[in-house]
Amino acid sequence: MCGWPFARRKTKPHLLAAPVPSPKRYGDCPIYFSDFVVHKESRFESLPDTFGRVIGWTLDDSNSGFNLPRYHLLRYRTERGGNLYARSVGNLINPLGALRAVVEGLVDVAPVDSFCHDLFRAAAHPYTLQTRTVAVTDPSPIPALVASANVPLATADRIRGALLSAHLEPRLEPYMQKALIRQFQPIQLDAYDYTAAIAKAADRAGYTMPA
């Protein structure tokens, strides 16, 4: 479950465990980023190069596709004193939709969940062959696996135990490697308070959407 919706839920699901991605950029931590992606053939070499053009985003309740990139852009907007982009296109739905929008020229730049991005690249998805990354946000706690609050606590505990020990099971090793997961770790309820804090910072500045 995405950390930002989790932070805002009054009735929280059971937090089971958070994946620790295996690529080096995650530093053996349960974190992820938003990659700002542009078309491979574009002239953009940095994020500021995209200013004045068209930015895309996934959904307004997504941390990686809206909240985290908006906070990253806030520093530039504060310096410039106004909108950074000529147009903002939302409802791209998910990371694949964001990549598709860049490839098809609907937008010039869009944020992509870094873990999904790495999975797409590992699978040589055609969209990743036509795009490249020009900037990366600061890290955020990665979405965790959860169970409904209606699931009995004992059941949730058993599932949590299985996840936390998955990296010790040789039969699961090839599947963990393919999923780019080194292991699962416990995560605290307050870990996702960060997502709410950066949202409040952007809202206080009047920056209601990436634009």
N, C-alpha and C. Protein backbone atom coordinates (compact mmCIF):
# COMPACT_ATOMS: atom_id res chain seq x y z
N MET A 1 0.84 -1.18 0.00
CA MET A 1 0.00 0.00 0.00
C MET A 1 0.88 1.24 0.00
N CYS A 2 0.52 2.21 -0.83
CA CYS A 2 1.27 3.46 -0.90
C CYS A 2 1.28 4.14 0.47
N GLY A 3 2.42 4.67 0.86
CA GLY A 3 2.58 5.23 2.19
C GLY A 3 1.75 6.45 2.49
N TRP A 4 1.47 7.26 1.45
CA TRP A 4 0.71 8.49 1.70
C TRP A 4 -0.75 8.17 2.04
N PRO A 5 -1.45 7.34 1.27
CA PRO A 5 -2.80 6.95 1.69
C PRO A 5 -2.80 6.25 3.05
N PHE A 6 -1.75 5.45 3.32
CA PHE A 6 -1.68 4.78 4.62
C PHE A 6 -1.62 5.80 5.74
N ALA A 7 -0.81 6.84 5.57
CA ALA A 7 -0.66 7.85 6.62
C ALA A 7 -1.97 8.58 6.89
N ARG A 8 -2.84 8.66 5.89
CA ARG A 8 -4.08 9.41 6.04
C ARG A 8 -5.26 8.55 6.45
N ARG A 9 -5.07 7.24 6.49
CA ARG A 9 -6.18 6.36 6.88
C ARG A 9 -6.42 6.43 8.38
N LYS A 10 -7.65 6.60 8.78
CA LYS A 10 -7.98 6.59 10.21
C LYS A 10 -7.95 5.16 10.75
N THR A 11 -8.59 4.25 10.02
CA THR A 11 -8.52 2.83 10.38
C THR A 11 -7.44 2.20 9.53
N LYS A 12 -6.34 1.89 10.14
CA LYS A 12 -5.18 1.44 9.38
C LYS A 12 -5.20 -0.08 9.21
N PRO A 13 -4.79 -0.56 8.05
CA PRO A 13 -4.60 -2.00 7.88
C PRO A 13 -3.39 -2.47 8.68
N HIS A 14 -3.25 -3.77 8.78
CA HIS A 14 -2.07 -4.33 9.45
C HIS A 14 -0.84 -4.12 8.56
N LEU A 15 0.18 -3.48 9.09
CA LEU A 15 1.45 -3.40 8.37
C LEU A 15 2.16 -4.74 8.50
N LEU A 16 2.48 -5.35 7.39
CA LEU A 16 3.13 -6.66 7.44
C LEU A 16 4.66 -6.52 7.33
N ALA A 17 5.13 -6.02 6.21
CA ALA A 17 6.58 -5.87 6.02
C ALA A 17 6.82 -5.01 4.79
N ALA A 18 8.00 -4.41 4.74
CA ALA A 18 8.38 -3.58 3.60
C ALA A 18 9.50 -4.25 2.83
N PRO A 19 9.43 -4.24 1.51
CA PRO A 19 10.51 -4.84 0.72
C PRO A 19 11.77 -3.97 0.74
N VAL A 20 12.89 -4.63 0.72
CA VAL A 20 14.18 -3.95 0.56
C VAL A 20 14.67 -4.25 -0.85
N PRO A 21 14.61 -3.28 -1.75
CA PRO A 21 15.02 -3.54 -3.14
C PRO A 21 16.50 -3.91 -3.22
N SER A 22 16.83 -4.75 -4.17
CA SER A 22 18.21 -5.22 -4.30
C SER A 22 19.14 -4.30 -5.08
N PRO A 23 18.67 -3.45 -6.00
CA PRO A 23 19.63 -2.56 -6.69
C PRO A 23 20.40 -1.67 -5.72
N LYS A 24 21.61 -1.34 -6.09
CA LYS A 24 22.53 -0.63 -5.18
C LYS A 24 22.01 0.71 -4.71
N ARG A 25 21.24 1.39 -5.54
CA ARG A 25 20.84 2.75 -5.16
C ARG A 25 19.93 2.79 -3.94
N TYR A 26 19.41 1.65 -3.52
CA TYR A 26 18.54 1.63 -2.34
C TYR A 26 19.32 1.42 -1.03
N GLY A 27 20.59 1.11 -1.15
CA GLY A 27 21.45 1.01 0.01
C GLY A 27 20.98 0.03 1.07
N ASP A 28 20.37 -1.08 0.65
CA ASP A 28 19.87 -2.10 1.58
C ASP A 28 18.85 -1.53 2.56
N CYS A 29 18.07 -0.56 2.13
CA CYS A 29 17.05 0.07 2.98
C CYS A 29 15.68 -0.04 2.33
N PRO A 30 14.61 -0.05 3.12
CA PRO A 30 13.25 -0.12 2.57
C PRO A 30 12.77 1.26 2.11
N ILE A 31 13.42 1.76 1.07
CA ILE A 31 13.11 3.10 0.55
C ILE A 31 12.89 3.01 -0.96
N TYR A 32 12.40 4.10 -1.51
CA TYR A 32 12.32 4.25 -2.96
C TYR A 32 12.33 5.73 -3.29
N PHE A 33 12.29 6.03 -4.57
CA PHE A 33 12.38 7.40 -5.05
C PHE A 33 11.34 7.62 -6.15
N SER A 34 11.28 8.82 -6.66
CA SER A 34 10.58 9.09 -7.91
C SER A 34 11.62 9.50 -8.93
N ASP A 35 11.63 8.82 -10.06
CA ASP A 35 12.52 9.17 -11.17
C ASP A 35 11.78 10.10 -12.12
N PHE A 36 12.36 11.25 -12.42
CA PHE A 36 11.78 12.14 -13.42
C PHE A 36 12.27 11.67 -14.79
N VAL A 37 11.34 11.24 -15.61
CA VAL A 37 11.67 10.58 -16.87
C VAL A 37 11.29 11.46 -18.06
N VAL A 38 12.15 11.48 -19.06
CA VAL A 38 11.89 12.21 -20.31
C VAL A 38 12.13 11.26 -21.48
N HIS A 39 11.73 11.68 -22.67
CA HIS A 39 11.97 10.86 -23.86
C HIS A 39 13.47 10.80 -24.15
N LYS A 40 13.90 9.66 -24.56
CA LYS A 40 15.33 9.45 -24.84
C LYS A 40 15.86 10.42 -25.89
N GLU A 41 15.03 10.78 -26.84
CA GLU A 41 15.47 11.64 -27.94
C GLU A 41 15.29 13.13 -27.64
N SER A 42 14.78 13.47 -26.47
CA SER A 42 14.59 14.88 -26.14
C SER A 42 15.94 15.55 -25.87
N ARG A 43 15.92 16.89 -25.81
CA ARG A 43 17.14 17.64 -25.54
C ARG A 43 17.33 17.94 -24.06
N PHE A 44 16.41 17.46 -23.22
CA PHE A 44 16.47 17.76 -21.80
C PHE A 44 17.63 16.99 -21.14
N GLU A 45 18.49 17.74 -20.46
CA GLU A 45 19.61 17.12 -19.76
C GLU A 45 19.46 17.21 -18.24
N SER A 46 18.56 18.07 -17.78
CA SER A 46 18.33 18.23 -16.34
C SER A 46 16.86 18.56 -16.12
N LEU A 47 16.42 18.48 -14.88
CA LEU A 47 15.02 18.79 -14.60
C LEU A 47 14.66 20.23 -14.96
N PRO A 48 15.49 21.23 -14.60
CA PRO A 48 15.15 22.60 -15.00
C PRO A 48 14.99 22.79 -16.51
N ASP A 49 15.65 21.94 -17.30
CA ASP A 49 15.49 22.03 -18.75
C ASP A 49 14.05 21.77 -19.18
N THR A 50 13.29 21.06 -18.34
CA THR A 50 11.91 20.72 -18.71
C THR A 50 10.92 21.82 -18.32
N PHE A 51 11.37 22.80 -17.53
CA PHE A 51 10.46 23.85 -17.09
C PHE A 51 9.93 24.62 -18.30
N GLY A 52 8.66 25.01 -18.20
CA GLY A 52 8.01 25.69 -19.30
C GLY A 52 7.34 24.75 -20.28
N ARG A 53 7.52 23.45 -20.07
CA ARG A 53 6.92 22.46 -20.97
C ARG A 53 5.71 21.81 -20.29
N VAL A 54 5.50 20.51 -20.47
CA VAL A 54 4.33 19.81 -19.93
C VAL A 54 4.79 18.70 -18.99
N ILE A 55 4.28 18.71 -17.77
CA ILE A 55 4.58 17.67 -16.80
C ILE A 55 3.36 16.78 -16.59
N GLY A 56 3.61 15.51 -16.36
CA GLY A 56 2.53 14.58 -16.07
C GLY A 56 2.64 14.04 -14.66
N TRP A 57 1.56 13.49 -14.16
CA TRP A 57 1.55 12.83 -12.85
C TRP A 57 0.47 11.76 -12.86
N THR A 58 0.55 10.83 -11.95
CA THR A 58 -0.32 9.65 -12.00
C THR A 58 -1.69 9.92 -11.36
N LEU A 59 -1.76 9.92 -10.04
CA LEU A 59 -3.00 10.17 -9.31
C LEU A 59 -2.69 11.07 -8.13
N ASP A 60 -3.67 11.86 -7.71
CA ASP A 60 -3.38 12.84 -6.65
C ASP A 60 -3.35 12.22 -5.26
N ASP A 61 -3.48 10.90 -5.16
CA ASP A 61 -3.28 10.24 -3.86
C ASP A 61 -2.05 9.33 -3.88
N SER A 62 -1.22 9.52 -4.90
CA SER A 62 0.00 8.72 -5.03
C SER A 62 1.19 9.46 -4.45
N ASN A 63 2.00 8.77 -3.68
CA ASN A 63 3.21 9.40 -3.15
C ASN A 63 4.25 9.56 -4.25
N SER A 64 4.58 8.47 -4.95
CA SER A 64 5.64 8.53 -5.95
C SER A 64 5.22 9.28 -7.21
N GLY A 65 3.92 9.25 -7.53
CA GLY A 65 3.46 9.85 -8.77
C GLY A 65 2.93 11.25 -8.64
N PHE A 66 2.88 11.79 -7.41
CA PHE A 66 2.33 13.12 -7.18
C PHE A 66 3.00 13.82 -6.00
N ASN A 67 2.89 13.24 -4.83
CA ASN A 67 3.32 13.90 -3.60
C ASN A 67 4.83 14.12 -3.53
N LEU A 68 5.58 13.08 -3.76
CA LEU A 68 7.04 13.17 -3.67
C LEU A 68 7.64 14.07 -4.75
N PRO A 69 7.22 13.93 -6.02
CA PRO A 69 7.75 14.86 -7.03
C PRO A 69 7.31 16.30 -6.81
N ARG A 70 6.08 16.49 -6.32
CA ARG A 70 5.63 17.85 -6.04
C ARG A 70 6.53 18.50 -4.99
N TYR A 71 6.88 17.75 -3.95
CA TYR A 71 7.75 18.30 -2.91
C TYR A 71 9.14 18.59 -3.46
N HIS A 72 9.62 17.73 -4.34
CA HIS A 72 10.93 17.95 -4.96
C HIS A 72 10.91 19.24 -5.78
N LEU A 73 9.82 19.48 -6.49
CA LEU A 73 9.70 20.66 -7.33
C LEU A 73 9.47 21.93 -6.53
N LEU A 74 9.01 21.79 -5.29
CA LEU A 74 8.67 22.95 -4.47
C LEU A 74 9.85 23.90 -4.31
N ARG A 75 11.05 23.36 -4.18
CA ARG A 75 12.23 24.21 -3.99
C ARG A 75 12.45 25.11 -5.21
N TYR A 76 12.23 24.57 -6.40
CA TYR A 76 12.39 25.37 -7.62
C TYR A 76 11.27 26.40 -7.73
N ARG A 77 10.06 26.00 -7.38
CA ARG A 77 8.92 26.92 -7.46
C ARG A 77 9.10 28.08 -6.49
N THR A 78 9.64 27.78 -5.29
CA THR A 78 9.88 28.83 -4.31
C THR A 78 10.91 29.83 -4.82
N GLU A 79 11.95 29.33 -5.46
CA GLU A 79 12.99 30.20 -6.01
C GLU A 79 12.46 31.07 -7.14
N ARG A 80 11.58 30.50 -7.97
CA ARG A 80 11.12 31.21 -9.17
C ARG A 80 9.86 32.01 -8.92
N GLY A 81 9.15 31.69 -7.82
CA GLY A 81 7.98 32.46 -7.47
C GLY A 81 6.76 32.24 -8.33
N GLY A 82 6.64 31.09 -8.94
CA GLY A 82 5.47 30.80 -9.77
C GLY A 82 5.54 29.42 -10.36
N ASN A 83 4.55 29.10 -11.20
CA ASN A 83 4.51 27.77 -11.81
C ASN A 83 5.75 27.50 -12.66
N LEU A 84 6.12 26.25 -12.68
CA LEU A 84 7.30 25.84 -13.43
C LEU A 84 6.97 25.36 -14.83
N TYR A 85 5.73 24.88 -15.01
CA TYR A 85 5.34 24.25 -16.27
C TYR A 85 4.18 24.98 -16.92
N ALA A 86 4.14 24.90 -18.24
CA ALA A 86 3.05 25.52 -18.99
C ALA A 86 1.74 24.78 -18.79
N ARG A 87 1.85 23.45 -18.58
CA ARG A 87 0.65 22.64 -18.42
C ARG A 87 0.97 21.43 -17.57
N SER A 88 -0.03 20.95 -16.83
CA SER A 88 0.09 19.79 -15.96
C SER A 88 -0.98 18.78 -16.36
N VAL A 89 -0.57 17.55 -16.64
CA VAL A 89 -1.50 16.51 -17.08
C VAL A 89 -1.54 15.39 -16.04
N GLY A 90 -2.71 15.20 -15.45
CA GLY A 90 -2.84 14.18 -14.42
C GLY A 90 -3.58 12.94 -14.89
N ASN A 91 -3.88 12.09 -13.92
CA ASN A 91 -4.62 10.84 -14.16
C ASN A 91 -3.93 9.92 -15.16
N LEU A 92 -2.61 9.86 -15.09
CA LEU A 92 -1.86 8.89 -15.89
C LEU A 92 -1.90 7.51 -15.23
N ILE A 93 -2.51 7.44 -14.05
CA ILE A 93 -2.89 6.23 -13.33
C ILE A 93 -1.74 5.54 -12.60
N ASN A 94 -0.69 5.15 -13.30
CA ASN A 94 0.35 4.33 -12.67
C ASN A 94 1.70 4.57 -13.36
N PRO A 95 2.78 3.97 -12.86
CA PRO A 95 4.10 4.20 -13.46
C PRO A 95 4.16 3.87 -14.96
N LEU A 96 3.50 2.80 -15.35
CA LEU A 96 3.51 2.45 -16.77
C LEU A 96 2.78 3.50 -17.59
N GLY A 97 1.69 4.04 -17.03
CA GLY A 97 0.98 5.10 -17.71
C GLY A 97 1.81 6.36 -17.84
N ALA A 98 2.62 6.64 -16.83
CA ALA A 98 3.51 7.81 -16.89
C ALA A 98 4.56 7.62 -17.98
N LEU A 99 5.14 6.43 -18.05
CA LEU A 99 6.13 6.16 -19.10
C LEU A 99 5.49 6.24 -20.48
N ARG A 100 4.30 5.69 -20.59
CA ARG A 100 3.60 5.72 -21.88
C ARG A 100 3.36 7.16 -22.33
N ALA A 101 2.96 8.02 -21.40
CA ALA A 101 2.67 9.41 -21.74
C ALA A 101 3.91 10.12 -22.26
N VAL A 102 5.07 9.80 -21.69
CA VAL A 102 6.33 10.38 -22.17
C VAL A 102 6.68 9.85 -23.55
N VAL A 103 6.57 8.55 -23.71
CA VAL A 103 6.91 7.93 -25.00
C VAL A 103 6.01 8.45 -26.11
N GLU A 104 4.72 8.62 -25.82
CA GLU A 104 3.76 9.05 -26.85
C GLU A 104 3.72 10.56 -27.02
N GLY A 105 4.50 11.29 -26.21
CA GLY A 105 4.57 12.74 -26.38
C GLY A 105 3.42 13.51 -25.76
N LEU A 106 2.62 12.85 -24.93
CA LEU A 106 1.54 13.54 -24.24
C LEU A 106 2.10 14.53 -23.23
N VAL A 107 3.22 14.16 -22.59
CA VAL A 107 3.90 15.03 -21.65
C VAL A 107 5.39 15.01 -21.96
N ASP A 108 6.10 16.01 -21.45
CA ASP A 108 7.55 16.09 -21.67
C ASP A 108 8.33 15.41 -20.55
N VAL A 109 7.76 15.38 -19.35
CA VAL A 109 8.43 14.78 -18.21
C VAL A 109 7.37 14.24 -17.27
N ALA A 110 7.69 13.15 -16.58
CA ALA A 110 6.74 12.57 -15.63
C ALA A 110 7.51 11.79 -14.57
N PRO A 111 7.00 11.76 -13.34
CA PRO A 111 7.64 10.98 -12.28
C PRO A 111 7.23 9.52 -12.34
N VAL A 112 8.19 8.65 -12.10
CA VAL A 112 7.95 7.20 -12.13
C VAL A 112 8.49 6.59 -10.85
N ASP A 113 7.68 5.80 -10.18
CA ASP A 113 8.09 5.04 -9.00
C ASP A 113 9.38 4.29 -9.34
N SER A 114 10.44 4.55 -8.59
CA SER A 114 11.76 4.01 -8.95
C SER A 114 11.81 2.50 -8.90
N PHE A 115 11.11 1.88 -7.96
CA PHE A 115 11.15 0.42 -7.86
C PHE A 115 10.45 -0.21 -9.06
N CYS A 116 9.28 0.34 -9.42
CA CYS A 116 8.61 -0.13 -10.63
C CYS A 116 9.49 0.12 -11.85
N HIS A 117 10.12 1.29 -11.87
CA HIS A 117 10.99 1.64 -12.99
C HIS A 117 12.12 0.63 -13.13
N ASP A 118 12.73 0.25 -12.02
CA ASP A 118 13.82 -0.72 -12.07
C ASP A 118 13.32 -2.09 -12.52
N LEU A 119 12.11 -2.45 -12.10
CA LEU A 119 11.54 -3.73 -12.55
C LEU A 119 11.27 -3.70 -14.05
N PHE A 120 10.73 -2.59 -14.55
CA PHE A 120 10.49 -2.47 -15.98
C PHE A 120 11.81 -2.56 -16.76
N ARG A 121 12.83 -1.89 -16.23
CA ARG A 121 14.12 -1.90 -16.93
C ARG A 121 14.75 -3.29 -16.91
N ALA A 122 14.60 -3.99 -15.78
CA ALA A 122 15.15 -5.35 -15.69
C ALA A 122 14.49 -6.27 -16.70
N ALA A 123 13.21 -5.99 -17.00
CA ALA A 123 12.48 -6.79 -17.98
C ALA A 123 12.61 -6.24 -19.40
N ALA A 124 13.42 -5.17 -19.55
CA ALA A 124 13.63 -4.54 -20.86
C ALA A 124 12.31 -4.13 -21.50
N HIS A 125 11.43 -3.54 -20.70
CA HIS A 125 10.16 -3.07 -21.25
C HIS A 125 10.44 -2.04 -22.34
N PRO A 126 9.71 -2.10 -23.45
CA PRO A 126 9.98 -1.17 -24.56
C PRO A 126 9.95 0.30 -24.16
N TYR A 127 9.10 0.68 -23.22
CA TYR A 127 9.04 2.09 -22.82
C TYR A 127 10.34 2.54 -22.18
N THR A 128 11.01 1.63 -21.48
CA THR A 128 12.26 2.03 -20.82
C THR A 128 13.39 2.20 -21.83
N LEU A 129 13.25 1.61 -23.00
CA LEU A 129 14.25 1.75 -24.04
C LEU A 129 14.10 3.08 -24.78
N GLN A 130 12.97 3.74 -24.55
CA GLN A 130 12.70 5.01 -25.24
C GLN A 130 12.71 6.21 -24.28
N THR A 131 13.11 5.98 -23.05
CA THR A 131 13.10 7.04 -22.04
C THR A 131 14.40 7.03 -21.26
N ARG A 132 14.62 8.11 -20.51
CA ARG A 132 15.78 8.19 -19.63
C ARG A 132 15.43 9.10 -18.45
N THR A 133 16.23 9.02 -17.41
CA THR A 133 15.98 9.76 -16.18
C THR A 133 16.87 11.00 -16.12
N VAL A 134 16.26 12.15 -15.79
CA VAL A 134 17.03 13.39 -15.69
C VAL A 134 17.16 13.88 -14.25
N ALA A 135 16.38 13.33 -13.33
CA ALA A 135 16.47 13.73 -11.92
C ALA A 135 15.81 12.67 -11.07
N VAL A 136 16.21 12.64 -9.81
CA VAL A 136 15.67 11.68 -8.85
C VAL A 136 15.38 12.42 -7.55
N THR A 137 14.24 12.13 -6.94
CA THR A 137 13.89 12.78 -5.68
C THR A 137 14.70 12.23 -4.52
N ASP A 138 14.56 12.85 -3.37
CA ASP A 138 15.08 12.28 -2.14
C ASP A 138 14.30 10.99 -1.84
N PRO A 139 14.85 10.12 -0.98
CA PRO A 139 14.15 8.86 -0.69
C PRO A 139 12.91 9.05 0.16
N SER A 140 12.02 8.08 0.06
CA SER A 140 10.81 8.03 0.87
C SER A 140 10.62 6.58 1.29
N PRO A 141 9.97 6.32 2.44
CA PRO A 141 9.71 4.93 2.82
C PRO A 141 8.92 4.21 1.73
N ILE A 142 9.37 3.02 1.37
CA ILE A 142 8.74 2.28 0.28
C ILE A 142 7.39 1.73 0.72
N PRO A 143 6.43 1.60 -0.19
CA PRO A 143 5.15 1.00 0.17
C PRO A 143 5.33 -0.39 0.77
N ALA A 144 4.53 -0.67 1.77
CA ALA A 144 4.61 -1.95 2.48
C ALA A 144 3.49 -2.88 2.05
N LEU A 145 3.70 -4.15 2.30
CA LEU A 145 2.61 -5.12 2.17
C LEU A 145 1.73 -4.99 3.41
N VAL A 146 0.44 -5.01 3.21
CA VAL A 146 -0.50 -4.84 4.31
C VAL A 146 -1.57 -5.92 4.26
N ALA A 147 -2.29 -6.08 5.35
CA ALA A 147 -3.47 -6.94 5.42
C ALA A 147 -4.62 -6.11 5.95
N SER A 148 -5.81 -6.41 5.51
CA SER A 148 -6.99 -5.68 5.96
C SER A 148 -7.07 -5.67 7.48
N ALA A 149 -7.59 -4.58 8.02
CA ALA A 149 -7.78 -4.49 9.46
C ALA A 149 -8.73 -5.57 9.97
N ASN A 150 -9.53 -6.15 9.06
CA ASN A 150 -10.47 -7.21 9.44
C ASN A 150 -9.80 -8.57 9.58
N VAL A 151 -8.56 -8.68 9.10
CA VAL A 151 -7.84 -9.94 9.22
C VAL A 151 -7.44 -10.15 10.68
N PRO A 152 -7.67 -11.32 11.25
CA PRO A 152 -7.27 -11.57 12.64
C PRO A 152 -5.79 -11.30 12.86
N LEU A 153 -5.45 -10.74 13.98
CA LEU A 153 -4.06 -10.37 14.28
C LEU A 153 -3.14 -11.58 14.17
N ALA A 154 -3.59 -12.74 14.65
CA ALA A 154 -2.75 -13.94 14.60
C ALA A 154 -2.42 -14.32 13.16
N THR A 155 -3.38 -14.15 12.28
CA THR A 155 -3.16 -14.46 10.86
C THR A 155 -2.16 -13.47 10.26
N ALA A 156 -2.35 -12.20 10.57
CA ALA A 156 -1.42 -11.18 10.08
C ALA A 156 -0.01 -11.45 10.58
N ASP A 157 0.12 -11.87 11.81
CA ASP A 157 1.44 -12.16 12.39
C ASP A 157 2.11 -13.33 11.66
N ARG A 158 1.32 -14.33 11.30
CA ARG A 158 1.90 -15.48 10.58
C ARG A 158 2.38 -15.07 9.19
N ILE A 159 1.60 -14.25 8.52
CA ILE A 159 2.02 -13.78 7.19
C ILE A 159 3.27 -12.92 7.32
N ARG A 160 3.28 -12.05 8.32
CA ARG A 160 4.45 -11.20 8.55
C ARG A 160 5.69 -12.06 8.78
N GLY A 161 5.57 -13.08 9.58
CA GLY A 161 6.70 -13.97 9.86
C GLY A 161 7.21 -14.64 8.60
N ALA A 162 6.29 -15.06 7.74
CA ALA A 162 6.70 -15.71 6.50
C ALA A 162 7.45 -14.74 5.59
N LEU A 163 6.99 -13.50 5.53
CA LEU A 163 7.66 -12.50 4.70
C LEU A 163 9.05 -12.18 5.24
N LEU A 164 9.15 -12.00 6.55
CA LEU A 164 10.43 -11.60 7.14
C LEU A 164 11.50 -12.70 7.03
N SER A 165 11.05 -13.92 6.84
CA SER A 165 12.01 -15.03 6.73
C SER A 165 12.16 -15.52 5.29
N ALA A 166 11.51 -14.86 4.36
CA ALA A 166 11.50 -15.33 2.97
C ALA A 166 12.91 -15.42 2.38
N HIS A 167 13.80 -14.49 2.75
CA HIS A 167 15.15 -14.48 2.17
C HIS A 167 16.00 -15.65 2.67
N LEU A 168 15.51 -16.35 3.69
CA LEU A 168 16.24 -17.49 4.23
C LEU A 168 15.82 -18.81 3.59
N GLU A 169 14.81 -18.75 2.73
CA GLU A 169 14.28 -19.95 2.08
C GLU A 169 14.90 -20.10 0.69
N PRO A 170 15.77 -21.10 0.50
CA PRO A 170 16.46 -21.26 -0.79
C PRO A 170 15.50 -21.39 -1.97
N ARG A 171 14.35 -22.00 -1.75
CA ARG A 171 13.41 -22.19 -2.86
C ARG A 171 12.84 -20.87 -3.37
N LEU A 172 12.86 -19.85 -2.52
CA LEU A 172 12.33 -18.56 -2.92
C LEU A 172 13.37 -17.64 -3.54
N GLU A 173 14.64 -18.02 -3.42
CA GLU A 173 15.72 -17.14 -3.87
C GLU A 173 15.57 -16.69 -5.31
N PRO A 174 15.29 -17.59 -6.28
CA PRO A 174 15.18 -17.10 -7.67
C PRO A 174 14.02 -16.13 -7.88
N TYR A 175 12.96 -16.31 -7.13
CA TYR A 175 11.81 -15.42 -7.26
C TYR A 175 12.10 -14.05 -6.63
N MET A 176 12.81 -14.06 -5.51
CA MET A 176 13.21 -12.81 -4.88
C MET A 176 14.15 -12.04 -5.79
N GLN A 177 15.08 -12.74 -6.42
CA GLN A 177 16.02 -12.09 -7.32
C GLN A 177 15.31 -11.47 -8.51
N LYS A 178 14.36 -12.21 -9.07
CA LYS A 178 13.62 -11.70 -10.23
C LYS A 178 12.77 -10.50 -9.85
N ALA A 179 12.27 -10.49 -8.62
CA ALA A 179 11.45 -9.37 -8.15
C ALA A 179 12.29 -8.21 -7.63
N LEU A 180 13.62 -8.34 -7.68
CA LEU A 180 14.56 -7.31 -7.22
C LEU A 180 14.35 -6.99 -5.73
N ILE A 181 14.05 -8.02 -4.95
CA ILE A 181 13.86 -7.86 -3.51
C ILE A 181 14.94 -8.63 -2.77
N ARG A 182 15.72 -7.92 -1.96
CA ARG A 182 16.76 -8.57 -1.18
C ARG A 182 16.14 -9.32 0.00
N GLN A 183 15.22 -8.66 0.68
CA GLN A 183 14.52 -9.25 1.81
C GLN A 183 13.37 -8.33 2.20
N PHE A 184 12.59 -8.76 3.17
CA PHE A 184 11.54 -7.93 3.75
C PHE A 184 11.95 -7.54 5.16
N GLN A 185 11.59 -6.32 5.55
CA GLN A 185 11.92 -5.84 6.89
C GLN A 185 10.66 -5.35 7.59
N PRO A 186 10.67 -5.37 8.93
CA PRO A 186 9.56 -4.76 9.67
C PRO A 186 9.55 -3.25 9.43
N ILE A 187 8.39 -2.66 9.55
CA ILE A 187 8.29 -1.21 9.40
C ILE A 187 7.30 -0.67 10.42
N GLN A 188 7.62 0.49 10.98
CA GLN A 188 6.81 1.06 12.05
C GLN A 188 5.65 1.89 11.49
N LEU A 189 4.61 2.01 12.29
CA LEU A 189 3.43 2.76 11.87
C LEU A 189 3.76 4.21 11.50
N ASP A 190 4.70 4.82 12.21
CA ASP A 190 4.99 6.23 11.97
C ASP A 190 5.96 6.47 10.81
N ALA A 191 6.40 5.39 10.15
CA ALA A 191 7.37 5.55 9.06
C ALA A 191 6.81 6.43 7.95
N TYR A 192 5.50 6.36 7.74
CA TYR A 192 4.90 7.08 6.62
C TYR A 192 4.42 8.47 7.00
N ASP A 193 4.70 8.89 8.21
CA ASP A 193 4.40 10.27 8.59
C ASP A 193 5.15 11.25 7.70
N TYR A 194 6.29 10.82 7.18
CA TYR A 194 7.08 11.66 6.28
C TYR A 194 6.26 12.08 5.07
N THR A 195 5.47 11.16 4.52
CA THR A 195 4.70 11.48 3.33
C THR A 195 3.66 12.56 3.62
N ALA A 196 3.06 12.50 4.81
CA ALA A 196 2.08 13.52 5.19
C ALA A 196 2.77 14.86 5.44
N ALA A 197 3.97 14.82 5.99
CA ALA A 197 4.70 16.05 6.31
C ALA A 197 5.07 16.81 5.03
N ILE A 198 5.53 16.11 4.01
CA ILE A 198 5.91 16.81 2.79
C ILE A 198 4.68 17.31 2.04
N ALA A 199 3.57 16.60 2.17
CA ALA A 199 2.32 17.08 1.56
C ALA A 199 1.88 18.38 2.21
N LYS A 200 1.97 18.45 3.53
CA LYS A 200 1.59 19.66 4.24
C LYS A 200 2.48 20.83 3.85
N ALA A 201 3.76 20.55 3.67
CA ALA A 201 4.69 21.62 3.28
C ALA A 201 4.31 22.22 1.93
N ALA A 202 3.96 21.36 0.97
CA ALA A 202 3.56 21.84 -0.35
C ALA A 202 2.23 22.58 -0.28
N ASP A 203 1.29 22.04 0.49
CA ASP A 203 -0.02 22.68 0.61
C ASP A 203 0.10 24.06 1.26
N ARG A 204 0.95 24.16 2.28
CA ARG A 204 1.13 25.46 2.95
C ARG A 204 1.70 26.50 2.00
N ALA A 205 2.49 26.04 1.05
CA ALA A 205 3.09 26.95 0.08
C ALA A 205 2.14 27.26 -1.07
N GLY A 206 0.93 26.67 -1.04
CA GLY A 206 -0.03 26.89 -2.10
C GLY A 206 0.26 26.12 -3.38
N TYR A 207 1.10 25.11 -3.25
CA TYR A 207 1.50 24.31 -4.42
C TYR A 207 0.64 23.04 -4.42
N THR A 208 -0.54 23.14 -4.98
CA THR A 208 -1.53 22.07 -4.86
C THR A 208 -1.32 20.92 -5.81
N MET A 209 -0.57 21.15 -6.89
CA MET A 209 -0.26 20.07 -7.84
C MET A 209 1.03 20.38 -8.56
N PRO A 210 1.69 19.34 -9.10
CA PRO A 210 2.90 19.61 -9.87
C PRO A 210 2.56 20.48 -11.08
N ALA A 211 3.10 21.66 -11.13
CA ALA A 211 2.79 22.58 -12.23
C ALA A 211 3.85 23.69 -12.27
